[in-house]
Amino acid sequence: MFIYNVTINIDETVHDQWLLWMKENHIPAMLATGKFTTAKLCKVLVEEDMGGITYSAQYTAKDKATLEQYYQEDAERLRNDGMKNFANKFVAFRTELEIISEH
């Protein structure tokens, strides 16, 4: 299993609007692709020097091939939704995590 992790620092001026959009629109849209089995939204409990509020959105995919399929078929469209709604109000970076074991 793989976790597609997106870490987002969102400007406080649009934080509440963004958080609602994430919960009601973006996360459901990610799950609706059929490529992820679960999603978690976590608040990062470290204050950033640049300000803003930081979150980690974690989406679980069954394998690397499914994650690659997401990149090819859905990523651009879903990323563009965030850009048009919150342009210049966030910074994001993405990482892939392979689950080695769960206890």
N, C-alpha and C. Protein backbone atom coordinates (compact mmCIF):
# COMPACT_ATOMS: atom_id res chain seq x y z
N MET A 1 0.84 -1.17 0.00
CA MET A 1 0.00 0.00 0.00
C MET A 1 0.89 1.25 0.00
N PHE A 2 0.34 2.30 -0.56
CA PHE A 2 1.06 3.56 -0.66
C PHE A 2 0.21 4.69 -0.08
N ILE A 3 0.88 5.66 0.50
CA ILE A 3 0.22 6.88 0.93
C ILE A 3 0.71 8.01 0.04
N TYR A 4 -0.23 8.70 -0.58
CA TYR A 4 0.05 9.91 -1.33
C TYR A 4 -0.19 11.05 -0.34
N ASN A 5 0.88 11.72 0.07
CA ASN A 5 0.82 12.75 1.10
C ASN A 5 0.99 14.12 0.46
N VAL A 6 0.06 15.01 0.76
CA VAL A 6 0.16 16.39 0.28
C VAL A 6 0.21 17.28 1.52
N THR A 7 1.34 17.97 1.70
CA THR A 7 1.49 18.90 2.82
C THR A 7 1.20 20.30 2.29
N ILE A 8 0.28 20.98 2.95
CA ILE A 8 -0.21 22.29 2.49
C ILE A 8 -0.07 23.30 3.60
N ASN A 9 0.52 24.44 3.29
CA ASN A 9 0.52 25.58 4.21
C ASN A 9 -0.44 26.59 3.61
N ILE A 10 -1.51 26.88 4.34
CA ILE A 10 -2.56 27.76 3.82
C ILE A 10 -2.55 29.09 4.57
N ASP A 11 -2.70 30.16 3.83
CA ASP A 11 -2.75 31.51 4.40
C ASP A 11 -3.95 31.62 5.33
N GLU A 12 -3.73 32.25 6.47
CA GLU A 12 -4.80 32.37 7.47
C GLU A 12 -5.99 33.17 6.97
N THR A 13 -5.80 34.04 5.98
CA THR A 13 -6.91 34.87 5.48
C THR A 13 -7.97 34.05 4.74
N VAL A 14 -7.60 32.86 4.26
CA VAL A 14 -8.56 32.00 3.55
C VAL A 14 -8.69 30.63 4.22
N HIS A 15 -8.12 30.49 5.40
CA HIS A 15 -8.08 29.19 6.08
C HIS A 15 -9.46 28.53 6.22
N ASP A 16 -10.41 29.24 6.78
CA ASP A 16 -11.72 28.63 7.05
C ASP A 16 -12.40 28.20 5.76
N GLN A 17 -12.34 29.05 4.74
CA GLN A 17 -12.92 28.72 3.43
C GLN A 17 -12.22 27.50 2.83
N TRP A 18 -10.88 27.46 2.91
CA TRP A 18 -10.11 26.34 2.37
C TRP A 18 -10.44 25.04 3.10
N LEU A 19 -10.50 25.08 4.43
CA LEU A 19 -10.78 23.88 5.21
C LEU A 19 -12.14 23.30 4.86
N LEU A 20 -13.13 24.15 4.72
CA LEU A 20 -14.46 23.70 4.30
C LEU A 20 -14.42 23.09 2.90
N TRP A 21 -13.70 23.73 1.99
CA TRP A 21 -13.56 23.21 0.62
C TRP A 21 -12.86 21.85 0.62
N MET A 22 -11.84 21.71 1.42
CA MET A 22 -11.15 20.42 1.51
C MET A 22 -12.10 19.33 1.97
N LYS A 23 -12.84 19.58 3.05
CA LYS A 23 -13.73 18.58 3.63
C LYS A 23 -14.92 18.25 2.73
N GLU A 24 -15.51 19.28 2.12
CA GLU A 24 -16.75 19.08 1.37
C GLU A 24 -16.55 18.84 -0.13
N ASN A 25 -15.42 19.26 -0.68
CA ASN A 25 -15.22 19.15 -2.13
C ASN A 25 -14.00 18.33 -2.52
N HIS A 26 -12.82 18.78 -2.07
CA HIS A 26 -11.60 18.18 -2.60
C HIS A 26 -11.39 16.73 -2.15
N ILE A 27 -11.50 16.47 -0.86
CA ILE A 27 -11.29 15.09 -0.40
C ILE A 27 -12.34 14.16 -1.00
N PRO A 28 -13.63 14.52 -1.01
CA PRO A 28 -14.60 13.65 -1.69
C PRO A 28 -14.28 13.45 -3.18
N ALA A 29 -13.77 14.48 -3.85
CA ALA A 29 -13.40 14.35 -5.27
C ALA A 29 -12.22 13.40 -5.44
N MET A 30 -11.27 13.47 -4.53
CA MET A 30 -10.13 12.54 -4.58
C MET A 30 -10.60 11.10 -4.41
N LEU A 31 -11.47 10.86 -3.44
CA LEU A 31 -11.98 9.51 -3.22
C LEU A 31 -12.86 9.05 -4.38
N ALA A 32 -13.56 9.98 -5.01
CA ALA A 32 -14.44 9.63 -6.13
C ALA A 32 -13.67 9.16 -7.36
N THR A 33 -12.37 9.42 -7.41
CA THR A 33 -11.58 8.90 -8.54
C THR A 33 -11.53 7.38 -8.52
N GLY A 34 -11.79 6.79 -7.35
CA GLY A 34 -11.71 5.34 -7.20
C GLY A 34 -10.30 4.82 -7.01
N LYS A 35 -9.34 5.72 -6.91
CA LYS A 35 -7.95 5.31 -6.81
C LYS A 35 -7.43 5.27 -5.37
N PHE A 36 -8.21 5.81 -4.46
CA PHE A 36 -7.80 5.85 -3.06
C PHE A 36 -8.86 5.19 -2.20
N THR A 37 -8.40 4.43 -1.21
CA THR A 37 -9.33 3.70 -0.34
C THR A 37 -9.70 4.49 0.91
N THR A 38 -8.79 5.34 1.38
CA THR A 38 -9.06 6.17 2.55
C THR A 38 -8.38 7.52 2.38
N ALA A 39 -8.86 8.47 3.16
CA ALA A 39 -8.24 9.80 3.18
C ALA A 39 -8.23 10.30 4.63
N LYS A 40 -7.15 10.98 4.99
CA LYS A 40 -7.04 11.61 6.31
C LYS A 40 -6.57 13.03 6.10
N LEU A 41 -7.11 13.94 6.89
CA LEU A 41 -6.63 15.32 6.90
C LEU A 41 -6.13 15.60 8.31
N CYS A 42 -4.85 15.91 8.42
CA CYS A 42 -4.20 16.10 9.73
C CYS A 42 -3.64 17.52 9.80
N LYS A 43 -3.79 18.14 10.95
CA LYS A 43 -3.18 19.44 11.18
C LYS A 43 -1.77 19.20 11.69
N VAL A 44 -0.80 19.89 11.12
CA VAL A 44 0.59 19.80 11.55
C VAL A 44 0.76 20.74 12.74
N LEU A 45 1.26 20.21 13.85
CA LEU A 45 1.33 20.97 15.09
C LEU A 45 2.67 21.64 15.30
N VAL A 46 3.17 22.26 14.23
CA VAL A 46 4.42 23.02 14.29
C VAL A 46 4.14 24.37 13.64
N GLU A 47 4.53 25.43 14.30
CA GLU A 47 4.37 26.75 13.71
C GLU A 47 5.47 27.00 12.69
N GLU A 48 5.09 27.44 11.52
CA GLU A 48 6.04 27.73 10.46
C GLU A 48 6.50 29.18 10.56
N ASP A 49 7.77 29.41 10.26
CA ASP A 49 8.30 30.78 10.25
C ASP A 49 7.57 31.66 9.25
N MET A 50 7.10 31.04 8.15
CA MET A 50 6.43 31.82 7.11
C MET A 50 4.99 32.15 7.48
N GLY A 51 4.50 31.63 8.61
CA GLY A 51 3.12 31.86 9.00
C GLY A 51 2.20 30.84 8.36
N GLY A 52 0.92 31.12 8.39
CA GLY A 52 -0.05 30.21 7.83
C GLY A 52 -0.28 29.01 8.74
N ILE A 53 -1.14 28.12 8.30
CA ILE A 53 -1.48 26.92 9.04
C ILE A 53 -1.19 25.73 8.12
N THR A 54 -0.53 24.71 8.65
CA THR A 54 -0.08 23.60 7.83
C THR A 54 -0.89 22.34 8.10
N TYR A 55 -1.21 21.64 7.01
CA TYR A 55 -1.96 20.39 7.07
C TYR A 55 -1.26 19.33 6.23
N SER A 56 -1.57 18.09 6.56
CA SER A 56 -1.14 16.95 5.76
C SER A 56 -2.40 16.20 5.33
N ALA A 57 -2.61 16.09 4.02
CA ALA A 57 -3.71 15.30 3.48
C ALA A 57 -3.10 13.99 2.99
N GLN A 58 -3.60 12.87 3.51
CA GLN A 58 -3.02 11.57 3.21
C GLN A 58 -4.06 10.68 2.56
N TYR A 59 -3.73 10.21 1.37
CA TYR A 59 -4.63 9.37 0.58
C TYR A 59 -3.97 8.01 0.38
N THR A 60 -4.67 6.93 0.71
CA THR A 60 -4.12 5.58 0.62
C THR A 60 -4.51 4.93 -0.69
N ALA A 61 -3.50 4.44 -1.43
CA ALA A 61 -3.70 3.72 -2.69
C ALA A 61 -3.22 2.29 -2.51
N LYS A 62 -3.85 1.36 -3.21
CA LYS A 62 -3.50 -0.06 -3.02
C LYS A 62 -2.12 -0.41 -3.55
N ASP A 63 -1.66 0.31 -4.59
CA ASP A 63 -0.34 0.00 -5.15
C ASP A 63 0.18 1.19 -5.96
N LYS A 64 1.43 1.08 -6.36
CA LYS A 64 2.09 2.15 -7.12
C LYS A 64 1.41 2.38 -8.47
N ALA A 65 0.95 1.31 -9.10
CA ALA A 65 0.29 1.43 -10.40
C ALA A 65 -0.98 2.28 -10.30
N THR A 66 -1.72 2.11 -9.22
CA THR A 66 -2.94 2.90 -9.02
C THR A 66 -2.60 4.36 -8.80
N LEU A 67 -1.54 4.61 -8.07
CA LEU A 67 -1.09 5.98 -7.85
C LEU A 67 -0.66 6.62 -9.16
N GLU A 68 0.07 5.88 -9.98
CA GLU A 68 0.48 6.39 -11.30
C GLU A 68 -0.74 6.68 -12.18
N GLN A 69 -1.74 5.85 -12.07
CA GLN A 69 -2.98 6.06 -12.83
C GLN A 69 -3.65 7.37 -12.38
N TYR A 70 -3.63 7.64 -11.09
CA TYR A 70 -4.16 8.91 -10.58
C TYR A 70 -3.41 10.08 -11.21
N TYR A 71 -2.07 10.01 -11.22
CA TYR A 71 -1.29 11.10 -11.81
C TYR A 71 -1.67 11.34 -13.26
N GLN A 72 -1.85 10.28 -14.02
CA GLN A 72 -2.15 10.38 -15.46
C GLN A 72 -3.57 10.85 -15.73
N GLU A 73 -4.53 10.41 -14.92
CA GLU A 73 -5.94 10.64 -15.25
C GLU A 73 -6.60 11.76 -14.45
N ASP A 74 -6.12 12.07 -13.26
CA ASP A 74 -6.89 12.96 -12.38
C ASP A 74 -6.12 14.11 -11.77
N ALA A 75 -4.82 13.96 -11.57
CA ALA A 75 -4.04 14.92 -10.77
C ALA A 75 -4.14 16.35 -11.29
N GLU A 76 -3.95 16.55 -12.57
CA GLU A 76 -3.96 17.91 -13.11
C GLU A 76 -5.30 18.61 -12.85
N ARG A 77 -6.38 17.92 -13.12
CA ARG A 77 -7.72 18.50 -12.93
C ARG A 77 -7.95 18.86 -11.46
N LEU A 78 -7.62 17.94 -10.57
CA LEU A 78 -7.89 18.19 -9.15
C LEU A 78 -6.96 19.26 -8.57
N ARG A 79 -5.73 19.31 -9.03
CA ARG A 79 -4.81 20.36 -8.58
C ARG A 79 -5.26 21.72 -9.08
N ASN A 80 -5.75 21.78 -10.30
CA ASN A 80 -6.22 23.05 -10.87
C ASN A 80 -7.41 23.61 -10.11
N ASP A 81 -8.26 22.74 -9.56
CA ASP A 81 -9.38 23.22 -8.75
C ASP A 81 -8.88 24.03 -7.56
N GLY A 82 -7.85 23.54 -6.90
CA GLY A 82 -7.28 24.27 -5.78
C GLY A 82 -6.63 25.56 -6.20
N MET A 83 -5.96 25.54 -7.35
CA MET A 83 -5.29 26.74 -7.84
C MET A 83 -6.29 27.84 -8.16
N LYS A 84 -7.40 27.49 -8.79
CA LYS A 84 -8.36 28.55 -9.15
C LYS A 84 -9.08 29.10 -7.93
N ASN A 85 -9.24 28.28 -6.90
CA ASN A 85 -9.95 28.73 -5.70
C ASN A 85 -9.04 29.47 -4.71
N PHE A 86 -7.76 29.10 -4.66
CA PHE A 86 -6.88 29.63 -3.62
C PHE A 86 -5.51 30.05 -4.16
N ALA A 87 -5.48 30.55 -5.37
CA ALA A 87 -4.22 30.95 -6.02
C ALA A 87 -3.44 31.92 -5.13
N ASN A 88 -2.15 31.69 -5.03
CA ASN A 88 -1.23 32.53 -4.26
C ASN A 88 -1.54 32.59 -2.77
N LYS A 89 -2.34 31.66 -2.28
CA LYS A 89 -2.69 31.64 -0.86
C LYS A 89 -2.20 30.36 -0.16
N PHE A 90 -1.46 29.52 -0.89
CA PHE A 90 -0.96 28.29 -0.28
C PHE A 90 0.32 27.85 -0.94
N VAL A 91 1.05 27.01 -0.20
CA VAL A 91 2.22 26.33 -0.71
C VAL A 91 1.99 24.85 -0.43
N ALA A 92 2.28 23.99 -1.41
CA ALA A 92 2.06 22.56 -1.22
C ALA A 92 3.26 21.78 -1.75
N PHE A 93 3.54 20.67 -1.09
CA PHE A 93 4.49 19.72 -1.66
C PHE A 93 3.97 18.32 -1.42
N ARG A 94 4.34 17.44 -2.32
CA ARG A 94 3.79 16.09 -2.34
C ARG A 94 4.88 15.05 -2.15
N THR A 95 4.55 14.00 -1.38
CA THR A 95 5.46 12.89 -1.20
C THR A 95 4.69 11.60 -1.30
N GLU A 96 5.40 10.55 -1.69
CA GLU A 96 4.83 9.21 -1.72
C GLU A 96 5.47 8.40 -0.59
N LEU A 97 4.65 7.67 0.13
CA LEU A 97 5.13 6.84 1.22
C LEU A 97 4.69 5.41 0.95
N GLU A 98 5.60 4.48 1.09
CA GLU A 98 5.25 3.07 0.96
C GLU A 98 5.07 2.50 2.37
N ILE A 99 3.92 1.90 2.61
CA ILE A 99 3.67 1.28 3.91
C ILE A 99 4.42 -0.04 3.97
N ILE A 100 5.32 -0.15 4.91
CA ILE A 100 6.13 -1.35 5.08
C ILE A 100 5.44 -2.32 6.04
N SER A 101 4.91 -1.79 7.14
CA SER A 101 4.17 -2.64 8.06
C SER A 101 3.21 -1.79 8.88
N GLU A 102 2.16 -2.43 9.33
CA GLU A 102 1.20 -1.79 10.23
C GLU A 102 1.01 -2.71 11.42
N HIS A 103 0.89 -2.12 12.60
CA HIS A 103 0.77 -2.94 13.82
C HIS A 103 -0.44 -2.53 14.62
